[in-house]
Structures are given as C-alpha cells and as structure tokens.
Amino acid sequence: MSNEENVPTQFGIFYPTGYIVVAFPEKDDACKVQEDLMTGGYEESECKLYEADKIASIAKSHLDDAGPLAKLGASDQYEKKHLEAAKDGCTFLVIHAPNKDDAERVMRVVRRVSFEFAHRYQHLAIRDLK
C-alpha cells in the first residue's frame, strides 16, 4: 500500500468497518497468513500487509488529529494499541471480513500462527477476537 488514502477510515479516523486488523510479532507469520488467505481466494486488496512504521505513522497521525467524538469512543483506545504494537515492531494485516462467517474463516487461518491481537471493526463496534 503506497499511501494513507487507501487505508479504510470513517470520519477521518482509522475505522475499517468490515475489516479485521491483526498484529503479528513476526513478519513471516503475517506473510504466511496473507499467502494462505490469497490461496483461499482473497485478493491482495482484501488482505493488505502493513509494516510497523506505516501503522505507527497512521495511528499517531489519527491520535494527534482525533476530535472529541473519537476520544469518547473505543476507536481511540484501539488506535493506541495499534501504535504500541507498531512501536514493538509488529507487522499488520488488514483483512476484509464483512460478516460473521468471513470473520470466522479469517480467524481460523490467523490462529495457525502467533499473533498479538485481532480487532474486528463492525458498524459502531470494535471486537477483540481470539
């Protein structure tokens, strides 16, 4: 991904509704999950890999620019988790999973490797997945 405009947002903040954001301590694990998802039919545009520095930059920018609405909701707290994981060197996948069945299929692949967290962004809700 070459620029921030391609990162899913809502109201100017990082809120990828219909996506799962997964942080992986090891880049190889993120690459393996991306490869497995693509083998299973995903397109690269549906499961994008982001390096730690890119997510750190996006999260920091969004936290710095967040308005009062973002600070009241959970998205600000999740942005902070993303920033901390990025500072720790995690690699991220942002995976399109618009419904519960897709999310369950994605997580079956993600759980094959070690991951820091998985956050499912739904309309007006963010869920931690295990």
N, C-alpha and C. Protein backbone atom coordinates (compact mmCIF):
# COMPACT_ATOMS: atom_id res chain seq x y z
N MET A 1 0.85 -1.16 0.00
CA MET A 1 0.00 0.00 0.00
C MET A 1 0.89 1.22 0.00
N SER A 2 0.63 2.11 -0.88
CA SER A 2 1.55 3.22 -1.06
C SER A 2 1.16 4.49 -0.32
N ASN A 3 -0.12 4.67 0.04
CA ASN A 3 -0.45 5.90 0.73
C ASN A 3 -1.63 5.74 1.67
N GLU A 4 -1.81 6.73 2.54
CA GLU A 4 -2.85 6.68 3.56
C GLU A 4 -4.24 6.71 2.98
N GLU A 5 -4.43 7.28 1.80
CA GLU A 5 -5.77 7.38 1.24
C GLU A 5 -6.39 6.00 1.04
N ASN A 6 -5.60 4.96 0.91
CA ASN A 6 -6.12 3.62 0.70
C ASN A 6 -6.46 2.90 2.00
N VAL A 7 -6.14 3.49 3.13
CA VAL A 7 -6.42 2.87 4.42
C VAL A 7 -7.87 3.17 4.78
N PRO A 8 -8.66 2.13 5.14
CA PRO A 8 -10.07 2.38 5.47
C PRO A 8 -10.21 3.34 6.66
N THR A 9 -11.04 4.34 6.49
CA THR A 9 -11.28 5.30 7.56
C THR A 9 -12.76 5.62 7.64
N GLN A 10 -13.15 6.20 8.75
CA GLN A 10 -14.50 6.68 8.93
C GLN A 10 -14.40 7.98 9.70
N PHE A 11 -14.99 9.04 9.19
CA PHE A 11 -14.94 10.35 9.82
C PHE A 11 -13.50 10.81 10.05
N GLY A 12 -12.59 10.43 9.15
CA GLY A 12 -11.21 10.87 9.24
C GLY A 12 -10.36 10.11 10.22
N ILE A 13 -10.91 9.08 10.87
CA ILE A 13 -10.12 8.27 11.79
C ILE A 13 -10.03 6.86 11.24
N PHE A 14 -9.03 6.13 11.69
CA PHE A 14 -8.82 4.77 11.25
C PHE A 14 -9.93 3.91 11.83
N TYR A 15 -10.89 3.57 11.02
CA TYR A 15 -12.01 2.76 11.47
C TYR A 15 -12.44 1.89 10.30
N PRO A 16 -11.75 0.81 10.09
CA PRO A 16 -12.02 0.00 8.89
C PRO A 16 -13.23 -0.93 9.06
N THR A 17 -14.44 -0.37 9.01
CA THR A 17 -15.66 -1.16 9.15
C THR A 17 -15.66 -2.29 8.12
N GLY A 18 -15.95 -3.50 8.61
CA GLY A 18 -15.96 -4.67 7.73
C GLY A 18 -14.59 -5.31 7.58
N TYR A 19 -13.65 -4.92 8.41
CA TYR A 19 -12.29 -5.44 8.35
C TYR A 19 -11.84 -5.96 9.71
N ILE A 20 -10.85 -6.83 9.66
CA ILE A 20 -10.15 -7.29 10.86
C ILE A 20 -8.72 -6.79 10.76
N VAL A 21 -8.25 -6.16 11.82
CA VAL A 21 -6.87 -5.69 11.90
C VAL A 21 -6.13 -6.65 12.83
N VAL A 22 -5.08 -7.29 12.30
CA VAL A 22 -4.31 -8.27 13.07
C VAL A 22 -2.87 -7.81 13.15
N ALA A 23 -2.31 -7.85 14.37
CA ALA A 23 -0.90 -7.52 14.58
C ALA A 23 -0.13 -8.81 14.84
N PHE A 24 0.97 -8.98 14.13
CA PHE A 24 1.82 -10.16 14.25
C PHE A 24 3.21 -9.75 14.72
N PRO A 25 3.70 -10.35 15.81
CA PRO A 25 5.06 -10.04 16.25
C PRO A 25 6.12 -10.39 15.20
N GLU A 26 5.84 -11.42 14.40
CA GLU A 26 6.80 -11.86 13.38
C GLU A 26 6.25 -11.60 11.98
N LYS A 27 7.01 -10.89 11.16
CA LYS A 27 6.58 -10.58 9.80
C LYS A 27 6.33 -11.85 9.00
N ASP A 28 7.14 -12.88 9.20
CA ASP A 28 6.95 -14.13 8.47
C ASP A 28 5.56 -14.71 8.71
N ASP A 29 5.06 -14.59 9.93
CA ASP A 29 3.72 -15.09 10.24
C ASP A 29 2.65 -14.29 9.50
N ALA A 30 2.81 -12.97 9.44
CA ALA A 30 1.87 -12.13 8.70
C ALA A 30 1.87 -12.50 7.22
N CYS A 31 3.05 -12.70 6.68
CA CYS A 31 3.18 -13.08 5.27
C CYS A 31 2.55 -14.44 5.00
N LYS A 32 2.73 -15.37 5.92
CA LYS A 32 2.15 -16.71 5.79
C LYS A 32 0.63 -16.64 5.79
N VAL A 33 0.06 -15.86 6.71
CA VAL A 33 -1.40 -15.72 6.77
C VAL A 33 -1.91 -15.07 5.49
N GLN A 34 -1.23 -14.02 5.03
CA GLN A 34 -1.64 -13.36 3.79
C GLN A 34 -1.60 -14.35 2.63
N GLU A 35 -0.54 -15.10 2.53
CA GLU A 35 -0.40 -16.09 1.46
C GLU A 35 -1.51 -17.14 1.54
N ASP A 36 -1.78 -17.64 2.74
CA ASP A 36 -2.84 -18.64 2.91
C ASP A 36 -4.20 -18.09 2.55
N LEU A 37 -4.48 -16.86 2.94
CA LEU A 37 -5.76 -16.25 2.59
C LEU A 37 -5.89 -16.06 1.08
N MET A 38 -4.81 -15.66 0.44
CA MET A 38 -4.84 -15.47 -1.01
C MET A 38 -4.98 -16.82 -1.72
N THR A 39 -4.36 -17.85 -1.19
CA THR A 39 -4.54 -19.19 -1.76
C THR A 39 -6.01 -19.61 -1.65
N GLY A 40 -6.66 -19.17 -0.57
CA GLY A 40 -8.06 -19.50 -0.35
C GLY A 40 -9.04 -18.60 -1.10
N GLY A 41 -8.54 -17.67 -1.90
CA GLY A 41 -9.43 -16.87 -2.73
C GLY A 41 -9.42 -15.37 -2.48
N TYR A 42 -8.73 -14.93 -1.45
CA TYR A 42 -8.65 -13.49 -1.22
C TYR A 42 -7.78 -12.83 -2.27
N GLU A 43 -8.11 -11.59 -2.60
CA GLU A 43 -7.27 -10.76 -3.44
C GLU A 43 -6.34 -9.97 -2.52
N GLU A 44 -5.22 -9.52 -3.05
CA GLU A 44 -4.29 -8.73 -2.24
C GLU A 44 -4.96 -7.48 -1.67
N SER A 45 -5.88 -6.90 -2.43
CA SER A 45 -6.58 -5.70 -1.96
C SER A 45 -7.51 -6.00 -0.78
N GLU A 46 -7.82 -7.27 -0.54
CA GLU A 46 -8.70 -7.67 0.56
C GLU A 46 -7.93 -8.09 1.80
N CYS A 47 -6.63 -8.21 1.67
CA CYS A 47 -5.81 -8.60 2.83
C CYS A 47 -4.44 -7.94 2.66
N LYS A 48 -4.38 -6.71 3.12
CA LYS A 48 -3.21 -5.86 2.91
C LYS A 48 -2.24 -5.94 4.07
N LEU A 49 -0.98 -6.05 3.73
CA LEU A 49 0.08 -6.11 4.72
C LEU A 49 0.66 -4.71 4.91
N TYR A 50 0.85 -4.35 6.19
CA TYR A 50 1.43 -3.06 6.54
C TYR A 50 2.60 -3.27 7.48
N GLU A 51 3.69 -2.60 7.18
CA GLU A 51 4.87 -2.62 8.05
C GLU A 51 4.59 -1.77 9.29
N ALA A 52 5.35 -2.02 10.34
CA ALA A 52 5.18 -1.32 11.61
C ALA A 52 5.27 0.19 11.46
N ASP A 53 6.23 0.68 10.69
CA ASP A 53 6.41 2.13 10.57
C ASP A 53 5.21 2.80 9.91
N LYS A 54 4.56 2.12 8.97
CA LYS A 54 3.38 2.68 8.30
C LYS A 54 2.22 2.80 9.29
N ILE A 55 1.96 1.73 10.04
CA ILE A 55 0.86 1.75 11.02
C ILE A 55 1.16 2.76 12.12
N ALA A 56 2.40 2.83 12.56
CA ALA A 56 2.76 3.80 13.60
C ALA A 56 2.48 5.22 13.12
N SER A 57 2.85 5.51 11.90
CA SER A 57 2.62 6.84 11.34
C SER A 57 1.13 7.15 11.23
N ILE A 58 0.35 6.20 10.74
CA ILE A 58 -1.09 6.40 10.59
C ILE A 58 -1.74 6.56 11.96
N ALA A 59 -1.43 5.67 12.89
CA ALA A 59 -2.06 5.71 14.22
C ALA A 59 -1.70 7.01 14.93
N LYS A 60 -0.43 7.40 14.88
CA LYS A 60 -0.01 8.63 15.55
C LYS A 60 -0.72 9.83 14.95
N SER A 61 -0.81 9.88 13.65
CA SER A 61 -1.50 10.98 12.98
C SER A 61 -2.96 11.05 13.38
N HIS A 62 -3.61 9.90 13.39
CA HIS A 62 -5.03 9.87 13.76
C HIS A 62 -5.23 10.24 15.23
N LEU A 63 -4.35 9.78 16.10
CA LEU A 63 -4.47 10.14 17.52
C LEU A 63 -4.25 11.62 17.73
N ASP A 64 -3.28 12.18 17.02
CA ASP A 64 -2.99 13.61 17.15
C ASP A 64 -4.14 14.47 16.63
N ASP A 65 -4.82 13.99 15.58
CA ASP A 65 -5.87 14.77 14.93
C ASP A 65 -7.28 14.39 15.38
N ALA A 66 -7.38 13.42 16.29
CA ALA A 66 -8.70 12.93 16.69
C ALA A 66 -9.52 14.03 17.35
N GLY A 67 -10.76 14.09 16.95
CA GLY A 67 -11.67 15.05 17.55
C GLY A 67 -12.30 14.48 18.80
N PRO A 68 -13.17 15.24 19.42
CA PRO A 68 -13.80 14.80 20.67
C PRO A 68 -14.64 13.53 20.49
N LEU A 69 -15.27 13.37 19.34
CA LEU A 69 -16.09 12.18 19.09
C LEU A 69 -15.24 10.92 19.15
N ALA A 70 -14.08 10.95 18.53
CA ALA A 70 -13.18 9.78 18.53
C ALA A 70 -12.68 9.48 19.93
N LYS A 71 -12.40 10.52 20.69
CA LYS A 71 -11.87 10.32 22.03
C LYS A 71 -12.92 9.74 22.99
N LEU A 72 -14.19 9.97 22.71
CA LEU A 72 -15.25 9.40 23.53
C LEU A 72 -15.46 7.92 23.26
N GLY A 73 -15.21 7.49 22.04
CA GLY A 73 -15.47 6.10 21.66
C GLY A 73 -14.27 5.22 21.88
N ALA A 74 -14.43 3.96 21.50
CA ALA A 74 -13.38 2.97 21.70
C ALA A 74 -12.28 3.07 20.65
N SER A 75 -12.55 3.69 19.52
CA SER A 75 -11.57 3.68 18.44
C SER A 75 -10.24 4.30 18.86
N ASP A 76 -10.29 5.33 19.69
CA ASP A 76 -9.07 5.97 20.17
C ASP A 76 -8.21 4.99 20.97
N GLN A 77 -8.85 4.18 21.80
CA GLN A 77 -8.12 3.18 22.59
C GLN A 77 -7.50 2.11 21.69
N TYR A 78 -8.21 1.72 20.66
CA TYR A 78 -7.67 0.72 19.75
C TYR A 78 -6.52 1.29 18.94
N GLU A 79 -6.63 2.55 18.55
CA GLU A 79 -5.52 3.22 17.85
C GLU A 79 -4.27 3.19 18.71
N LYS A 80 -4.43 3.42 20.02
CA LYS A 80 -3.28 3.39 20.93
C LYS A 80 -2.67 2.00 20.97
N LYS A 81 -3.50 0.96 20.96
CA LYS A 81 -2.98 -0.42 20.93
C LYS A 81 -2.22 -0.67 19.63
N HIS A 82 -2.74 -0.16 18.52
CA HIS A 82 -2.06 -0.32 17.23
C HIS A 82 -0.71 0.39 17.25
N LEU A 83 -0.70 1.60 17.81
CA LEU A 83 0.55 2.36 17.88
C LEU A 83 1.58 1.63 18.72
N GLU A 84 1.18 1.13 19.88
CA GLU A 84 2.12 0.41 20.75
C GLU A 84 2.65 -0.85 20.07
N ALA A 85 1.78 -1.60 19.42
CA ALA A 85 2.22 -2.81 18.72
C ALA A 85 3.17 -2.46 17.57
N ALA A 86 2.88 -1.38 16.89
CA ALA A 86 3.77 -0.94 15.81
C ALA A 86 5.13 -0.53 16.36
N LYS A 87 5.13 0.17 17.49
CA LYS A 87 6.40 0.56 18.12
C LYS A 87 7.19 -0.67 18.53
N ASP A 88 6.49 -1.76 18.85
CA ASP A 88 7.16 -3.01 19.21
C ASP A 88 7.59 -3.81 17.99
N GLY A 89 7.32 -3.28 16.79
CA GLY A 89 7.78 -3.91 15.56
C GLY A 89 6.81 -4.89 14.92
N CYS A 90 5.56 -4.89 15.35
CA CYS A 90 4.58 -5.81 14.75
C CYS A 90 4.32 -5.46 13.29
N THR A 91 4.01 -6.48 12.52
CA THR A 91 3.54 -6.33 11.15
C THR A 91 2.03 -6.56 11.19
N PHE A 92 1.30 -5.84 10.36
CA PHE A 92 -0.16 -5.87 10.41
C PHE A 92 -0.75 -6.38 9.11
N LEU A 93 -1.87 -7.07 9.25
CA LEU A 93 -2.73 -7.37 8.11
C LEU A 93 -4.07 -6.71 8.37
N VAL A 94 -4.60 -6.06 7.35
CA VAL A 94 -5.95 -5.51 7.39
C VAL A 94 -6.75 -6.34 6.39
N ILE A 95 -7.68 -7.14 6.93
CA ILE A 95 -8.34 -8.20 6.15
C ILE A 95 -9.82 -7.92 6.04
N HIS A 96 -10.33 -7.94 4.83
CA HIS A 96 -11.76 -7.72 4.60
C HIS A 96 -12.55 -8.92 5.10
N ALA A 97 -13.47 -8.66 6.03
CA ALA A 97 -14.33 -9.70 6.59
C ALA A 97 -15.66 -9.04 6.96
N PRO A 98 -16.52 -8.82 5.97
CA PRO A 98 -17.72 -8.02 6.20
C PRO A 98 -18.81 -8.67 7.05
N ASN A 99 -18.72 -9.99 7.24
CA ASN A 99 -19.76 -10.65 8.04
C ASN A 99 -19.14 -11.68 8.98
N LYS A 100 -19.97 -12.23 9.83
CA LYS A 100 -19.50 -13.16 10.87
C LYS A 100 -18.84 -14.40 10.27
N ASP A 101 -19.42 -14.96 9.22
CA ASP A 101 -18.83 -16.15 8.59
C ASP A 101 -17.44 -15.87 8.04
N ASP A 102 -17.30 -14.73 7.36
CA ASP A 102 -15.98 -14.35 6.84
C ASP A 102 -14.98 -14.16 7.97
N ALA A 103 -15.42 -13.52 9.05
CA ALA A 103 -14.53 -13.29 10.20
C ALA A 103 -14.08 -14.61 10.81
N GLU A 104 -14.98 -15.57 10.92
CA GLU A 104 -14.62 -16.88 11.46
C GLU A 104 -13.63 -17.60 10.56
N ARG A 105 -13.84 -17.52 9.24
CA ARG A 105 -12.90 -18.16 8.30
C ARG A 105 -11.52 -17.52 8.40
N VAL A 106 -11.49 -16.19 8.45
CA VAL A 106 -10.22 -15.46 8.57
C VAL A 106 -9.49 -15.88 9.84
N MET A 107 -10.21 -15.92 10.94
CA MET A 107 -9.57 -16.23 12.22
C MET A 107 -9.07 -17.68 12.28
N ARG A 108 -9.70 -18.59 11.57
CA ARG A 108 -9.17 -19.96 11.52
C ARG A 108 -7.77 -19.97 10.90
N VAL A 109 -7.55 -19.11 9.92
CA VAL A 109 -6.24 -19.01 9.28
C VAL A 109 -5.27 -18.26 10.20
N VAL A 110 -5.72 -17.16 10.79
CA VAL A 110 -4.86 -16.35 11.66
C VAL A 110 -4.36 -17.18 12.85
N ARG A 111 -5.23 -17.99 13.43
CA ARG A 111 -4.88 -18.76 14.63
C ARG A 111 -3.81 -19.83 14.38
N ARG A 112 -3.45 -20.07 13.16
CA ARG A 112 -2.40 -21.05 12.85
C ARG A 112 -1.02 -20.55 13.27
N VAL A 113 -0.91 -19.24 13.50
CA VAL A 113 0.38 -18.64 13.87
C VAL A 113 0.18 -17.79 15.12
N SER A 114 1.27 -17.28 15.64
CA SER A 114 1.22 -16.41 16.80
C SER A 114 0.84 -15.00 16.36
N PHE A 115 -0.10 -14.39 17.09
CA PHE A 115 -0.48 -13.01 16.79
C PHE A 115 -0.68 -12.25 18.10
N GLU A 116 -0.47 -10.96 18.03
CA GLU A 116 -0.59 -10.10 19.22
C GLU A 116 -2.05 -9.82 19.56
N PHE A 117 -2.82 -9.40 18.55
CA PHE A 117 -4.24 -9.16 18.72
C PHE A 117 -4.92 -9.16 17.36
N ALA A 118 -6.24 -9.31 17.41
CA ALA A 118 -7.08 -9.19 16.21
C ALA A 118 -8.29 -8.37 16.62
N HIS A 119 -8.54 -7.30 15.89
CA HIS A 119 -9.68 -6.42 16.17
C HIS A 119 -10.61 -6.43 14.97
N ARG A 120 -11.85 -6.80 15.23
CA ARG A 120 -12.87 -6.80 14.17
C ARG A 120 -13.68 -5.52 14.27
N TYR A 121 -13.68 -4.76 13.19
CA TYR A 121 -14.38 -3.48 13.13
C TYR A 121 -15.74 -3.69 12.47
N GLN A 122 -16.79 -3.45 13.25
CA GLN A 122 -18.15 -3.55 12.77
C GLN A 122 -18.79 -2.17 12.89
N HIS A 123 -19.97 -2.02 12.34
CA HIS A 123 -20.67 -0.75 12.45
C HIS A 123 -20.92 -0.43 13.92
N LEU A 124 -20.33 0.65 14.40
CA LEU A 124 -20.47 1.13 15.77
C LEU A 124 -19.92 0.18 16.84
N ALA A 125 -19.07 -0.76 16.46
CA ALA A 125 -18.49 -1.68 17.44
C ALA A 125 -17.13 -2.17 16.97
N ILE A 126 -16.24 -2.38 17.94
CA ILE A 126 -14.94 -2.99 17.68
C ILE A 126 -14.86 -4.18 18.62
N ARG A 127 -14.52 -5.33 18.08
CA ARG A 127 -14.46 -6.55 18.89
C ARG A 127 -13.05 -7.13 18.90
N ASP A 128 -12.62 -7.56 20.08
CA ASP A 128 -11.37 -8.31 20.19
C ASP A 128 -11.67 -9.75 19.81
N LEU A 129 -10.86 -10.30 18.93
CA LEU A 129 -11.02 -11.70 18.52
C LEU A 129 -9.86 -12.51 19.07
N LYS A 130 -10.14 -13.74 19.38
CA LYS A 130 -9.10 -14.63 19.91
C LYS A 130 -8.97 -15.84 19.04
